[in-house]
């Protein structure tokens, strides 16, 4: 399992939202590149970055902050938010993003996702953000009738490298991951699934390392890291120990 620390970008700053509400943003660092460097120093192996403004605008809005992060750290970065055409996909991959996350466009234009994944093997992930099991789009502002499992199955054999599954109701409120819904999606597809939304403490990490969660490839942590509820050293040590025992 990989634990991904999250940097959410709003107006060039590192923030955390509550249930995707842009009006409920807490600023944790005015310098996202500095925050990325801290995560690298803490021993994390990947970085998860979201351009929140871009998710609403439908195009990249925090490019300068992402560029600064890429220039500062050597960790592989996965990036989502406002990625809705091949030009944007290729622009980010050329800049050094390891993989892009396509969310809204996965619902609106699945052929674009398939083409991007075909052109860039290993470089394209799909973000599935759900509210009460239904997929939300446009920066979570709209909820569709499609279930997370239906959307995930749409990309079987498309070459997508991962699915990032977020339970919107739990995002940013530290109530624990929705393991049941994440496992339901992971069991419905062969694509690796990464859990997001609500990771609250080391107990969530322990839960993810239990045998029944082997189909979950990783998890994203945001607020719990920023406010000190999750100790990076303890979490990474637990994960390393689990790998050694596997």
C-alpha atoms as a PDB file:
ATOM      1  CA  UNK A   1       0.000   0.000   0.000  1.00  0.00           C
ATOM      2  CA  UNK A   2       1.128   3.537  -0.797  1.00  0.00           C
ATOM      3  CA  UNK A   3       0.198   6.472   1.446  1.00  0.00           C
ATOM      4  CA  UNK A   4      -0.159   9.670  -0.564  1.00  0.00           C
ATOM      5  CA  UNK A   5       0.084  13.021   1.255  1.00  0.00           C
ATOM      6  CA  UNK A   6      -2.221  15.551  -0.380  1.00  0.00           C
ATOM      7  CA  UNK A   7      -1.664  19.126  -1.480  1.00  0.00           C
ATOM      8  CA  UNK A   8      -4.853  20.871  -2.567  1.00  0.00           C
ATOM      9  CA  UNK A   9      -4.239  24.153  -4.357  1.00  0.00           C
ATOM     10  CA  UNK A  10      -6.525  27.184  -4.131  1.00  0.00           C
ATOM     11  CA  UNK A  11      -5.330  30.572  -5.361  1.00  0.00           C
ATOM     12  CA  UNK A  12      -1.730  29.390  -5.202  1.00  0.00           C
ATOM     13  CA  UNK A  13      -1.885  28.234  -1.604  1.00  0.00           C
ATOM     14  CA  UNK A  14      -2.052  24.849   0.099  1.00  0.00           C
ATOM     15  CA  UNK A  15      -5.516  24.372   1.617  1.00  0.00           C
ATOM     16  CA  UNK A  16      -7.942  21.746   2.864  1.00  0.00           C
ATOM     17  CA  UNK A  17     -11.664  21.852   2.242  1.00  0.00           C
ATOM     18  CA  UNK A  18     -14.601  20.361   4.148  1.00  0.00           C
ATOM     19  CA  UNK A  19     -16.668  18.041   1.925  1.00  0.00           C
ATOM     20  CA  UNK A  20     -15.433  19.850  -1.198  1.00  0.00           C
ATOM     21  CA  UNK A  21     -16.871  23.223  -0.177  1.00  0.00           C
ATOM     22  CA  UNK A  22     -14.639  25.986  -1.569  1.00  0.00           C
ATOM     23  CA  UNK A  23     -16.086  28.389   1.017  1.00  0.00           C
ATOM     24  CA  UNK A  24     -14.777  26.165   3.805  1.00  0.00           C
ATOM     25  CA  UNK A  25     -11.081  26.288   2.993  1.00  0.00           C
ATOM     26  CA  UNK A  26      -8.388  26.274   5.657  1.00  0.00           C
ATOM     27  CA  UNK A  27      -4.987  27.549   4.510  1.00  0.00           C
ATOM     28  CA  UNK A  28      -2.162  25.361   5.813  1.00  0.00           C
ATOM     29  CA  UNK A  29       0.775  26.717   3.836  1.00  0.00           C
ATOM     30  CA  UNK A  30       1.201  29.748   1.573  1.00  0.00           C
ATOM     31  CA  UNK A  31       4.061  27.926  -0.165  1.00  0.00           C
ATOM     32  CA  UNK A  32       2.961  24.605  -1.699  1.00  0.00           C
ATOM     33  CA  UNK A  33       6.507  23.779  -2.841  1.00  0.00           C
ATOM     34  CA  UNK A  34       7.696  24.122   0.758  1.00  0.00           C
ATOM     35  CA  UNK A  35       4.913  21.775   1.854  1.00  0.00           C
ATOM     36  CA  UNK A  36       5.914  19.278  -0.839  1.00  0.00           C
ATOM     37  CA  UNK A  37       9.510  19.387   0.384  1.00  0.00           C
ATOM     38  CA  UNK A  38       8.350  18.672   3.937  1.00  0.00           C
ATOM     39  CA  UNK A  39       6.432  15.619   2.767  1.00  0.00           C
ATOM     40  CA  UNK A  40       9.488  14.407   0.848  1.00  0.00           C
ATOM     41  CA  UNK A  41      11.642  14.816   3.972  1.00  0.00           C
ATOM     42  CA  UNK A  42       9.111  12.810   5.985  1.00  0.00           C
ATOM     43  CA  UNK A  43       9.732   9.763   3.792  1.00  0.00           C
ATOM     44  CA  UNK A  44       6.634   9.676   1.607  1.00  0.00           C
ATOM     45  CA  UNK A  45       7.037   7.964  -1.758  1.00  0.00           C
ATOM     46  CA  UNK A  46       4.427   9.816  -3.827  1.00  0.00           C
ATOM     47  CA  UNK A  47       2.625  13.163  -3.741  1.00  0.00           C
ATOM     48  CA  UNK A  48      -1.051  13.760  -4.577  1.00  0.00           C
ATOM     49  CA  UNK A  49      -1.831  17.254  -5.883  1.00  0.00           C
ATOM     50  CA  UNK A  50      -5.215  18.737  -6.817  1.00  0.00           C
ATOM     51  CA  UNK A  51      -5.814  22.034  -8.581  1.00  0.00           C
ATOM     52  CA  UNK A  52      -9.104  22.923  -6.892  1.00  0.00           C
ATOM     53  CA  UNK A  53      -9.635  26.096  -8.897  1.00  0.00           C
ATOM     54  CA  UNK A  54      -8.934  24.112 -12.053  1.00  0.00           C
ATOM     55  CA  UNK A  55     -11.567  21.528 -11.164  1.00  0.00           C
ATOM     56  CA  UNK A  56     -14.213  24.260 -11.157  1.00  0.00           C
ATOM     57  CA  UNK A  57     -12.834  26.211 -14.129  1.00  0.00           C
ATOM     58  CA  UNK A  58     -12.271  23.167 -16.339  1.00  0.00           C
ATOM     59  CA  UNK A  59      -8.673  24.138 -17.076  1.00  0.00           C
ATOM     60  CA  UNK A  60      -5.417  24.453 -15.074  1.00  0.00           C
ATOM     61  CA  UNK A  61      -5.493  27.438 -12.713  1.00  0.00           C
ATOM     62  CA  UNK A  62      -2.569  26.784 -10.364  1.00  0.00           C
ATOM     63  CA  UNK A  63       0.124  25.943 -12.910  1.00  0.00           C
ATOM     64  CA  UNK A  64       2.760  28.136 -11.249  1.00  0.00           C
ATOM     65  CA  UNK A  65       2.334  26.347  -7.917  1.00  0.00           C
ATOM     66  CA  UNK A  66       2.496  22.920  -9.580  1.00  0.00           C
ATOM     67  CA  UNK A  67       5.605  23.966 -11.527  1.00  0.00           C
ATOM     68  CA  UNK A  68       7.246  25.056  -8.269  1.00  0.00           C
ATOM     69  CA  UNK A  69       6.427  21.720  -6.639  1.00  0.00           C
ATOM     70  CA  UNK A  70       7.873  19.773  -9.579  1.00  0.00           C
ATOM     71  CA  UNK A  71      11.046  21.880  -9.469  1.00  0.00           C
ATOM     72  CA  UNK A  72      11.466  21.370  -5.727  1.00  0.00           C
ATOM     73  CA  UNK A  73      11.037  17.629  -5.213  1.00  0.00           C
ATOM     74  CA  UNK A  74      12.015  14.382  -6.890  1.00  0.00           C
ATOM     75  CA  UNK A  75       8.980  12.411  -5.684  1.00  0.00           C
ATOM     76  CA  UNK A  76       6.564  11.172  -8.348  1.00  0.00           C
ATOM     77  CA  UNK A  77       3.484  13.397  -8.479  1.00  0.00           C
ATOM     78  CA  UNK A  78      -0.083  12.521  -9.436  1.00  0.00           C
ATOM     79  CA  UNK A  79      -2.143  15.575 -10.373  1.00  0.00           C
ATOM     80  CA  UNK A  80      -5.858  16.199 -10.796  1.00  0.00           C
ATOM     81  CA  UNK A  81      -8.122  19.182 -11.381  1.00  0.00           C
ATOM     82  CA  UNK A  82      -9.184  20.722 -14.682  1.00  0.00           C
ATOM     83  CA  UNK A  83      -7.623  18.079 -16.916  1.00  0.00           C
ATOM     84  CA  UNK A  84     -10.147  17.711 -19.726  1.00  0.00           C
ATOM     85  CA  UNK A  85      -8.253  17.450 -23.016  1.00  0.00           C
ATOM     86  CA  UNK A  86      -5.214  15.729 -24.487  1.00  0.00           C
ATOM     87  CA  UNK A  87      -3.238  18.945 -24.730  1.00  0.00           C
ATOM     88  CA  UNK A  88      -3.496  19.421 -20.965  1.00  0.00           C
ATOM     89  CA  UNK A  89      -2.651  15.773 -20.278  1.00  0.00           C
ATOM     90  CA  UNK A  90       0.437  15.933 -22.445  1.00  0.00           C
ATOM     91  CA  UNK A  91       1.482  19.327 -21.127  1.00  0.00           C
ATOM     92  CA  UNK A  92       1.570  18.077 -17.549  1.00  0.00           C
ATOM     93  CA  UNK A  93       3.286  14.802 -18.389  1.00  0.00           C
ATOM     94  CA  UNK A  94       5.942  16.687 -20.355  1.00  0.00           C
ATOM     95  CA  UNK A  95       6.541  18.932 -17.340  1.00  0.00           C
ATOM     96  CA  UNK A  96       7.252  15.910 -15.167  1.00  0.00           C
ATOM     97  CA  UNK A  97       3.948  14.927 -13.585  1.00  0.00           C
ATOM     98  CA  UNK A  98       4.063  11.125 -13.285  1.00  0.00           C
ATOM     99  CA  UNK A  99       0.364  10.624 -13.842  1.00  0.00           C
ATOM    100  CA  UNK A 100      -2.662  12.820 -14.357  1.00  0.00           C
ATOM    101  CA  UNK A 101      -6.052  12.202 -12.776  1.00  0.00           C
ATOM    102  CA  UNK A 102      -9.104  12.704 -14.974  1.00  0.00           C
ATOM    103  CA  UNK A 103     -12.374  13.206 -13.127  1.00  0.00           C
ATOM    104  CA  UNK A 104     -15.217  15.133 -14.730  1.00  0.00           C
ATOM    105  CA  UNK A 105     -14.092  14.228 -18.252  1.00  0.00           C
ATOM    106  CA  UNK A 106     -14.218  10.529 -17.326  1.00  0.00           C
ATOM    107  CA  UNK A 107     -17.982  10.931 -17.055  1.00  0.00           C
ATOM    108  CA  UNK A 108     -18.476  13.404 -19.873  1.00  0.00           C
ATOM    109  CA  UNK A 109     -15.997  12.036 -22.435  1.00  0.00           C
ATOM    110  CA  UNK A 110     -14.797   8.475 -21.724  1.00  0.00           C
ATOM    111  CA  UNK A 111     -13.267   8.164 -25.193  1.00  0.00           C
ATOM    112  CA  UNK A 112     -10.865  10.973 -24.289  1.00  0.00           C
ATOM    113  CA  UNK A 113      -9.724   9.008 -21.242  1.00  0.00           C
ATOM    114  CA  UNK A 114      -9.185   5.875 -23.322  1.00  0.00           C
ATOM    115  CA  UNK A 115      -7.189   7.785 -25.921  1.00  0.00           C
ATOM    116  CA  UNK A 116      -5.064   9.495 -23.274  1.00  0.00           C
ATOM    117  CA  UNK A 117      -4.357   6.155 -21.567  1.00  0.00           C
ATOM    118  CA  UNK A 118      -3.498   4.552 -24.910  1.00  0.00           C
ATOM    119  CA  UNK A 119      -1.038   7.305 -25.765  1.00  0.00           C
ATOM    120  CA  UNK A 120       0.511   7.477 -22.305  1.00  0.00           C
ATOM    121  CA  UNK A 121       0.705   4.030 -20.673  1.00  0.00           C
ATOM    122  CA  UNK A 122       0.939   4.340 -16.905  1.00  0.00           C
ATOM    123  CA  UNK A 123       0.310   8.072 -17.082  1.00  0.00           C
ATOM    124  CA  UNK A 124      -3.464   8.309 -16.698  1.00  0.00           C
ATOM    125  CA  UNK A 125      -5.619   7.673 -13.625  1.00  0.00           C
ATOM    126  CA  UNK A 126      -9.341   8.236 -13.174  1.00  0.00           C
ATOM    127  CA  UNK A 127     -10.802  10.128 -10.241  1.00  0.00           C
ATOM    128  CA  UNK A 128     -14.173   8.864  -9.061  1.00  0.00           C
ATOM    129  CA  UNK A 129     -15.730  11.196  -6.514  1.00  0.00           C
ATOM    130  CA  UNK A 130     -19.002   9.947  -5.056  1.00  0.00           C
ATOM    131  CA  UNK A 131     -21.782  11.342  -2.912  1.00  0.00           C
ATOM    132  CA  UNK A 132     -24.091   8.623  -1.525  1.00  0.00           C
ATOM    133  CA  UNK A 133     -22.613   6.234  -4.070  1.00  0.00           C
ATOM    134  CA  UNK A 134     -23.342   8.515  -7.060  1.00  0.00           C
ATOM    135  CA  UNK A 135     -20.567  10.108  -9.086  1.00  0.00           C
ATOM    136  CA  UNK A 136     -20.100  13.877  -8.671  1.00  0.00           C
ATOM    137  CA  UNK A 137     -18.470  16.132 -11.282  1.00  0.00           C
ATOM    138  CA  UNK A 138     -17.494  19.760 -11.931  1.00  0.00           C
ATOM    139  CA  UNK A 139     -15.504  20.106  -8.715  1.00  0.00           C
ATOM    140  CA  UNK A 140     -18.195  18.081  -6.901  1.00  0.00           C
ATOM    141  CA  UNK A 141     -20.759  20.769  -7.699  1.00  0.00           C
ATOM    142  CA  UNK A 142     -23.008  18.356  -9.650  1.00  0.00           C
ATOM    143  CA  UNK A 143     -24.063  14.783  -8.909  1.00  0.00           C
ATOM    144  CA  UNK A 144     -24.822  12.358 -11.733  1.00  0.00           C
ATOM    145  CA  UNK A 145     -26.981   9.230 -11.731  1.00  0.00           C
ATOM    146  CA  UNK A 146     -23.994   6.975 -12.404  1.00  0.00           C
ATOM    147  CA  UNK A 147     -22.642   4.746  -9.647  1.00  0.00           C
ATOM    148  CA  UNK A 148     -18.944   4.525  -8.858  1.00  0.00           C
ATOM    149  CA  UNK A 149     -18.904   0.871  -9.921  1.00  0.00           C
ATOM    150  CA  UNK A 150     -20.531   1.657 -13.268  1.00  0.00           C
ATOM    151  CA  UNK A 151     -17.946   4.334 -13.985  1.00  0.00           C
ATOM    152  CA  UNK A 152     -15.066   2.120 -12.926  1.00  0.00           C
ATOM    153  CA  UNK A 153     -16.201  -0.727 -15.181  1.00  0.00           C
ATOM    154  CA  UNK A 154     -16.310   1.693 -18.090  1.00  0.00           C
ATOM    155  CA  UNK A 155     -12.507   1.802 -18.055  1.00  0.00           C
ATOM    156  CA  UNK A 156     -11.696  -1.882 -17.717  1.00  0.00           C
ATOM    157  CA  UNK A 157      -9.056  -2.756 -20.329  1.00  0.00           C
ATOM    158  CA  UNK A 158      -8.613   0.944 -21.188  1.00  0.00           C
ATOM    159  CA  UNK A 159      -5.085   1.091 -19.801  1.00  0.00           C
ATOM    160  CA  UNK A 160      -5.957   3.310 -16.832  1.00  0.00           C
ATOM    161  CA  UNK A 161      -3.252   2.911 -14.194  1.00  0.00           C
ATOM    162  CA  UNK A 162      -5.381   3.616 -11.085  1.00  0.00           C
ATOM    163  CA  UNK A 163      -8.721   4.849  -9.780  1.00  0.00           C
ATOM    164  CA  UNK A 164      -8.770   7.397  -6.967  1.00  0.00           C
ATOM    165  CA  UNK A 165     -12.060   6.921  -5.107  1.00  0.00           C
ATOM    166  CA  UNK A 166     -13.219   9.761  -2.863  1.00  0.00           C
ATOM    167  CA  UNK A 167     -16.209   9.662  -0.553  1.00  0.00           C
ATOM    168  CA  UNK A 168     -17.207  13.340  -0.606  1.00  0.00           C
ATOM    169  CA  UNK A 169     -19.271  13.124   2.582  1.00  0.00           C
ATOM    170  CA  UNK A 170     -16.149  12.135   4.529  1.00  0.00           C
ATOM    171  CA  UNK A 171     -13.625  14.381   2.848  1.00  0.00           C
ATOM    172  CA  UNK A 172     -11.940  16.796   5.230  1.00  0.00           C
ATOM    173  CA  UNK A 173     -13.943  15.863   8.331  1.00  0.00           C
ATOM    174  CA  UNK A 174     -11.705  13.126   9.785  1.00  0.00           C
ATOM    175  CA  UNK A 175     -14.383  10.475  10.295  1.00  0.00           C
ATOM    176  CA  UNK A 176     -12.400   7.605   8.781  1.00  0.00           C
ATOM    177  CA  UNK A 177     -12.227   6.175   5.285  1.00  0.00           C
ATOM    178  CA  UNK A 178     -15.268   4.542   3.716  1.00  0.00           C
ATOM    179  CA  UNK A 179     -13.637   1.121   3.507  1.00  0.00           C
ATOM    180  CA  UNK A 180     -16.871  -0.653   2.561  1.00  0.00           C
ATOM    181  CA  UNK A 181     -17.552   1.520  -0.510  1.00  0.00           C
ATOM    182  CA  UNK A 182     -13.896   1.517  -1.550  1.00  0.00           C
ATOM    183  CA  UNK A 183     -13.739  -2.280  -1.381  1.00  0.00           C
ATOM    184  CA  UNK A 184     -16.983  -2.545  -3.325  1.00  0.00           C
ATOM    185  CA  UNK A 185     -15.390  -0.579  -6.159  1.00  0.00           C
ATOM    186  CA  UNK A 186     -12.066  -2.455  -5.892  1.00  0.00           C
ATOM    187  CA  UNK A 187     -13.887  -5.764  -6.194  1.00  0.00           C
ATOM    188  CA  UNK A 188     -15.852  -4.561  -9.226  1.00  0.00           C
ATOM    189  CA  UNK A 189     -12.781  -3.715 -11.306  1.00  0.00           C
ATOM    190  CA  UNK A 190      -9.274  -5.012 -11.953  1.00  0.00           C
ATOM    191  CA  UNK A 191      -7.806  -1.479 -11.902  1.00  0.00           C
ATOM    192  CA  UNK A 192      -5.910  -0.599  -8.674  1.00  0.00           C
ATOM    193  CA  UNK A 193      -8.079   1.572  -6.399  1.00  0.00           C
ATOM    194  CA  UNK A 194      -6.748   4.295  -4.078  1.00  0.00           C
ATOM    195  CA  UNK A 195      -8.939   5.371  -1.148  1.00  0.00           C
ATOM    196  CA  UNK A 196      -9.569   9.029  -0.367  1.00  0.00           C
ATOM    197  CA  UNK A 197     -11.760  11.058   1.944  1.00  0.00           C
ATOM    198  CA  UNK A 198     -11.781  10.987   5.734  1.00  0.00           C
ATOM    199  CA  UNK A 199      -8.497   9.309   6.702  1.00  0.00           C
ATOM    200  CA  UNK A 200      -8.290  10.326  10.352  1.00  0.00           C
ATOM    201  CA  UNK A 201      -5.552   8.483  12.220  1.00  0.00           C
ATOM    202  CA  UNK A 202      -3.089   5.621  12.352  1.00  0.00           C
ATOM    203  CA  UNK A 203      -6.079   3.315  12.905  1.00  0.00           C
ATOM    204  CA  UNK A 204      -7.159   3.946   9.306  1.00  0.00           C
ATOM    205  CA  UNK A 205      -3.690   2.937   8.119  1.00  0.00           C
ATOM    206  CA  UNK A 206      -3.840  -0.238  10.226  1.00  0.00           C
ATOM    207  CA  UNK A 207      -7.255  -1.029   8.779  1.00  0.00           C
ATOM    208  CA  UNK A 208      -5.955  -0.672   5.223  1.00  0.00           C
ATOM    209  CA  UNK A 209      -3.179  -3.146   5.974  1.00  0.00           C
ATOM    210  CA  UNK A 210      -5.605  -5.902   7.009  1.00  0.00           C
ATOM    211  CA  UNK A 211      -5.860  -8.906   4.652  1.00  0.00           C
ATOM    212  CA  UNK A 212      -9.361  -8.039   3.404  1.00  0.00           C
ATOM    213  CA  UNK A 213      -8.083  -4.670   2.123  1.00  0.00           C
ATOM    214  CA  UNK A 214      -5.394  -6.103  -0.134  1.00  0.00           C
ATOM    215  CA  UNK A 215      -7.308  -4.942  -3.195  1.00  0.00           C
ATOM    216  CA  UNK A 216      -6.915  -1.317  -2.061  1.00  0.00           C
ATOM    217  CA  UNK A 217      -3.647  -0.066  -3.562  1.00  0.00           C
ATOM    218  CA  UNK A 218      -3.217   3.017  -1.413  1.00  0.00           C
ATOM    219  CA  UNK A 219      -4.803   5.900   0.435  1.00  0.00           C
ATOM    220  CA  UNK A 220      -4.636   9.687   0.402  1.00  0.00           C
ATOM    221  CA  UNK A 221      -4.215  11.697   3.588  1.00  0.00           C
ATOM    222  CA  UNK A 222      -4.767  15.420   3.908  1.00  0.00           C
ATOM    223  CA  UNK A 223      -6.091  17.121   7.014  1.00  0.00           C
ATOM    224  CA  UNK A 224      -4.931  14.372   9.396  1.00  0.00           C
ATOM    225  CA  UNK A 225      -1.333  15.069   8.366  1.00  0.00           C
ATOM    226  CA  UNK A 226      -1.702  18.826   8.529  1.00  0.00           C
ATOM    227  CA  UNK A 227      -3.228  18.981  11.990  1.00  0.00           C
ATOM    228  CA  UNK A 228      -0.997  16.312  13.507  1.00  0.00           C
ATOM    229  CA  UNK A 229      -3.544  13.538  13.982  1.00  0.00           C
ATOM    230  CA  UNK A 230      -1.456  11.221  11.798  1.00  0.00           C
ATOM    231  CA  UNK A 231       2.258  10.941  12.515  1.00  0.00           C
ATOM    232  CA  UNK A 232       4.135  10.444   9.209  1.00  0.00           C
ATOM    233  CA  UNK A 233       6.979   8.462  10.769  1.00  0.00           C
ATOM    234  CA  UNK A 234       4.602   6.072  12.528  1.00  0.00           C
ATOM    235  CA  UNK A 235       2.492   5.596   9.405  1.00  0.00           C
ATOM    236  CA  UNK A 236       5.440   4.947   7.117  1.00  0.00           C
ATOM    237  CA  UNK A 237       7.051   2.559   9.614  1.00  0.00           C
ATOM    238  CA  UNK A 238       3.813   0.578   9.825  1.00  0.00           C
ATOM    239  CA  UNK A 239       3.587   0.349   6.041  1.00  0.00           C
ATOM    240  CA  UNK A 240       7.223  -0.723   5.690  1.00  0.00           C
ATOM    241  CA  UNK A 241       6.759  -3.399   8.348  1.00  0.00           C
ATOM    242  CA  UNK A 242       3.682  -4.679   6.527  1.00  0.00           C
ATOM    243  CA  UNK A 243       5.602  -4.893   3.261  1.00  0.00           C
ATOM    244  CA  UNK A 244       8.373  -6.843   4.928  1.00  0.00           C
ATOM    245  CA  UNK A 245       5.887  -9.342   6.319  1.00  0.00           C
ATOM    246  CA  UNK A 246       4.075  -9.793   3.024  1.00  0.00           C
END
